[in-house]
Every structure is written in structure tokens, then in C-alpha cells.
């Protein structure tokens, strides 16, 4: 089974209009429940949003192979996140997924 570590940069890509740096920060390895976040198959697509409405941003990770979606709830703060173990995103009784391939 292919394992690919999820690397996320905290930097911003900017334009000349905003005057922000065009450089990305160095990637960091994210952990959830003390373990590196991996995808089972292919590329990962991370998205940060407050999924549970508690005012703290959580992490959604979609994986290319099969389109599985995982939510990592932030049990810390926005400035000091602490991600819980991932759980599959559910669409009713079925596992939620996005089309892939």
C-alpha cells in the first residue's frame, strides 16, 4: 500500500497587488493523535474550516484514490492546533467521497 505524507505549508501565495511575499513557508508534517497524517492512496487535498461550529478550524483531507474524505477535529486552538484522530466524513449512512479518477 502506498503511503504519502501530507505536507502543508502555512505560507501564502500572493500577487503584486497585495504586496505579500510570494514565497511559501517550509512544509511541516502534521500529526493527529500523535501520529503523522497519511493518505492510503495517491495525492491528498487538505482543506481547513470550522466543520463542527466550535469556532476552531478543523482539517478535512480528501485523497485521490477512491475519493475518501477524512475529518481531523481540532481539539486545541486556532493558534495552537491539536488534531484528533481522523474519522471518515459521512454522508448519511454512507462514507462521503468525492469523484476521482
C-alpha atoms as a PDB file:
ATOM      1  CA  UNK A   1       0.000   0.000   0.000  1.00  0.00           C
ATOM      2  CA  UNK A   2       1.364   3.404  -0.976  1.00  0.00           C
ATOM      3  CA  UNK A   3       1.617   5.916   1.868  1.00  0.00           C
ATOM      4  CA  UNK A   4       2.096   9.608   1.168  1.00  0.00           C
ATOM      5  CA  UNK A   5       2.675  12.053   3.992  1.00  0.00           C
ATOM      6  CA  UNK A   6       0.533  15.147   3.950  1.00  0.00           C
ATOM      7  CA  UNK A   7       2.685  18.255   3.927  1.00  0.00           C
ATOM      8  CA  UNK A   8       1.015  21.607   4.369  1.00  0.00           C
ATOM      9  CA  UNK A   9       2.622  24.996   4.034  1.00  0.00           C
ATOM     10  CA  UNK A  10       1.437  27.776   6.312  1.00  0.00           C
ATOM     11  CA  UNK A  11       2.590  30.447   3.848  1.00  0.00           C
ATOM     12  CA  UNK A  12       0.594  32.460   1.349  1.00  0.00           C
ATOM     13  CA  UNK A  13       0.940  32.817  -2.376  1.00  0.00           C
ATOM     14  CA  UNK A  14       0.348  36.446  -3.191  1.00  0.00           C
ATOM     15  CA  UNK A  15       0.159  38.826  -6.093  1.00  0.00           C
ATOM     16  CA  UNK A  16       1.971  42.093  -6.658  1.00  0.00           C
ATOM     17  CA  UNK A  17      -1.257  43.915  -5.808  1.00  0.00           C
ATOM     18  CA  UNK A  18      -1.353  42.673  -2.194  1.00  0.00           C
ATOM     19  CA  UNK A  19       2.338  43.257  -1.532  1.00  0.00           C
ATOM     20  CA  UNK A  20       2.683  39.956   0.345  1.00  0.00           C
ATOM     21  CA  UNK A  21       5.603  37.602  -0.068  1.00  0.00           C
ATOM     22  CA  UNK A  22       5.379  35.137  -2.955  1.00  0.00           C
ATOM     23  CA  UNK A  23       7.341  32.549  -1.022  1.00  0.00           C
ATOM     24  CA  UNK A  24       5.754  29.633   0.794  1.00  0.00           C
ATOM     25  CA  UNK A  25       6.847  28.675   4.275  1.00  0.00           C
ATOM     26  CA  UNK A  26       8.714  25.390   4.652  1.00  0.00           C
ATOM     27  CA  UNK A  27       6.293  22.440   4.798  1.00  0.00           C
ATOM     28  CA  UNK A  28       5.603  20.825   8.142  1.00  0.00           C
ATOM     29  CA  UNK A  29       4.476  17.288   8.914  1.00  0.00           C
ATOM     30  CA  UNK A  30       1.071  17.374  10.548  1.00  0.00           C
ATOM     31  CA  UNK A  31       0.123  14.913  13.238  1.00  0.00           C
ATOM     32  CA  UNK A  32      -3.243  13.801  14.538  1.00  0.00           C
ATOM     33  CA  UNK A  33      -3.495  11.924  17.833  1.00  0.00           C
ATOM     34  CA  UNK A  34       0.316  11.859  17.948  1.00  0.00           C
ATOM     35  CA  UNK A  35       0.778  10.135  14.561  1.00  0.00           C
ATOM     36  CA  UNK A  36       1.685  11.601  11.140  1.00  0.00           C
ATOM     37  CA  UNK A  37      -1.319  12.127   8.853  1.00  0.00           C
ATOM     38  CA  UNK A  38      -1.023   9.879   5.797  1.00  0.00           C
ATOM     39  CA  UNK A  39      -3.231   9.055   2.854  1.00  0.00           C
ATOM     40  CA  UNK A  40      -3.746   5.441   1.822  1.00  0.00           C
ATOM     41  CA  UNK A  41      -3.694   6.094  -1.912  1.00  0.00           C
ATOM     42  CA  UNK A  42      -2.384   8.883  -4.081  1.00  0.00           C
ATOM     43  CA  UNK A  43      -2.441  12.616  -3.576  1.00  0.00           C
ATOM     44  CA  UNK A  44      -4.019  14.426  -0.639  1.00  0.00           C
ATOM     45  CA  UNK A  45      -6.155  17.552  -0.817  1.00  0.00           C
ATOM     46  CA  UNK A  46      -6.313  19.358   2.553  1.00  0.00           C
ATOM     47  CA  UNK A  47      -8.938  21.986   3.430  1.00  0.00           C
ATOM     48  CA  UNK A  48      -9.161  23.952   6.681  1.00  0.00           C
ATOM     49  CA  UNK A  49     -12.562  25.040   8.008  1.00  0.00           C
ATOM     50  CA  UNK A  50     -14.607  25.038  11.232  1.00  0.00           C
ATOM     51  CA  UNK A  51     -16.665  21.908  10.484  1.00  0.00           C
ATOM     52  CA  UNK A  52     -18.280  21.491  13.899  1.00  0.00           C
ATOM     53  CA  UNK A  53     -19.126  25.142  14.620  1.00  0.00           C
ATOM     54  CA  UNK A  54     -16.999  25.469  17.769  1.00  0.00           C
ATOM     55  CA  UNK A  55     -15.020  28.451  16.443  1.00  0.00           C
ATOM     56  CA  UNK A  56     -11.834  26.408  15.947  1.00  0.00           C
ATOM     57  CA  UNK A  57     -10.641  25.417  12.479  1.00  0.00           C
ATOM     58  CA  UNK A  58     -10.559  21.678  11.720  1.00  0.00           C
ATOM     59  CA  UNK A  59      -8.839  19.796   8.895  1.00  0.00           C
ATOM     60  CA  UNK A  60     -10.582  17.935   6.066  1.00  0.00           C
ATOM     61  CA  UNK A  61      -8.365  15.725   3.904  1.00  0.00           C
ATOM     62  CA  UNK A  62      -9.546  14.254   0.634  1.00  0.00           C
ATOM     63  CA  UNK A  63      -7.494  11.533  -1.003  1.00  0.00           C
ATOM     64  CA  UNK A  64      -7.275  10.940  -4.724  1.00  0.00           C
ATOM     65  CA  UNK A  65      -7.633   7.163  -4.688  1.00  0.00           C
ATOM     66  CA  UNK A  66     -11.334   6.432  -4.170  1.00  0.00           C
ATOM     67  CA  UNK A  67     -12.116   9.986  -3.098  1.00  0.00           C
ATOM     68  CA  UNK A  68     -12.236   9.190   0.640  1.00  0.00           C
ATOM     69  CA  UNK A  69     -12.692  12.181   2.959  1.00  0.00           C
ATOM     70  CA  UNK A  70     -11.287  12.360   6.491  1.00  0.00           C
ATOM     71  CA  UNK A  71     -12.023  14.964   9.179  1.00  0.00           C
ATOM     72  CA  UNK A  72      -9.437  15.750  11.840  1.00  0.00           C
ATOM     73  CA  UNK A  73     -11.156  17.743  14.603  1.00  0.00           C
ATOM     74  CA  UNK A  74      -9.038  20.445  16.216  1.00  0.00           C
ATOM     75  CA  UNK A  75      -9.124  19.970  19.988  1.00  0.00           C
ATOM     76  CA  UNK A  76      -6.702  22.851  20.514  1.00  0.00           C
ATOM     77  CA  UNK A  77      -6.954  26.459  19.383  1.00  0.00           C
ATOM     78  CA  UNK A  78      -6.505  28.190  16.042  1.00  0.00           C
ATOM     79  CA  UNK A  79      -3.068  29.428  17.115  1.00  0.00           C
ATOM     80  CA  UNK A  80      -2.053  26.105  18.717  1.00  0.00           C
ATOM     81  CA  UNK A  81      -3.974  23.345  16.936  1.00  0.00           C
ATOM     82  CA  UNK A  82      -4.111  19.818  18.330  1.00  0.00           C
ATOM     83  CA  UNK A  83      -5.713  17.433  15.843  1.00  0.00           C
ATOM     84  CA  UNK A  84      -7.674  14.391  16.993  1.00  0.00           C
ATOM     85  CA  UNK A  85      -7.530  11.071  15.149  1.00  0.00           C
ATOM     86  CA  UNK A  86      -9.239  11.219  11.764  1.00  0.00           C
ATOM     87  CA  UNK A  87     -12.754   9.952  11.189  1.00  0.00           C
ATOM     88  CA  UNK A  88     -14.364   9.364   7.828  1.00  0.00           C
ATOM     89  CA  UNK A  89     -16.729  12.041   6.618  1.00  0.00           C
ATOM     90  CA  UNK A  90     -20.237  10.583   6.468  1.00  0.00           C
ATOM     91  CA  UNK A  91     -22.999  11.393   4.008  1.00  0.00           C
ATOM     92  CA  UNK A  92     -25.941   9.910   5.850  1.00  0.00           C
ATOM     93  CA  UNK A  93     -25.031   6.268   6.451  1.00  0.00           C
ATOM     94  CA  UNK A  94     -22.507   6.093   3.599  1.00  0.00           C
ATOM     95  CA  UNK A  95     -18.901   7.264   3.678  1.00  0.00           C
ATOM     96  CA  UNK A  96     -18.712  10.630   1.959  1.00  0.00           C
ATOM     97  CA  UNK A  97     -16.396  10.843  -1.020  1.00  0.00           C
ATOM     98  CA  UNK A  98     -15.572  12.995  -3.998  1.00  0.00           C
ATOM     99  CA  UNK A  99     -15.356  11.717  -7.575  1.00  0.00           C
ATOM    100  CA  UNK A 100     -11.827  10.744  -8.532  1.00  0.00           C
ATOM    101  CA  UNK A 101     -10.013   9.253 -11.450  1.00  0.00           C
END
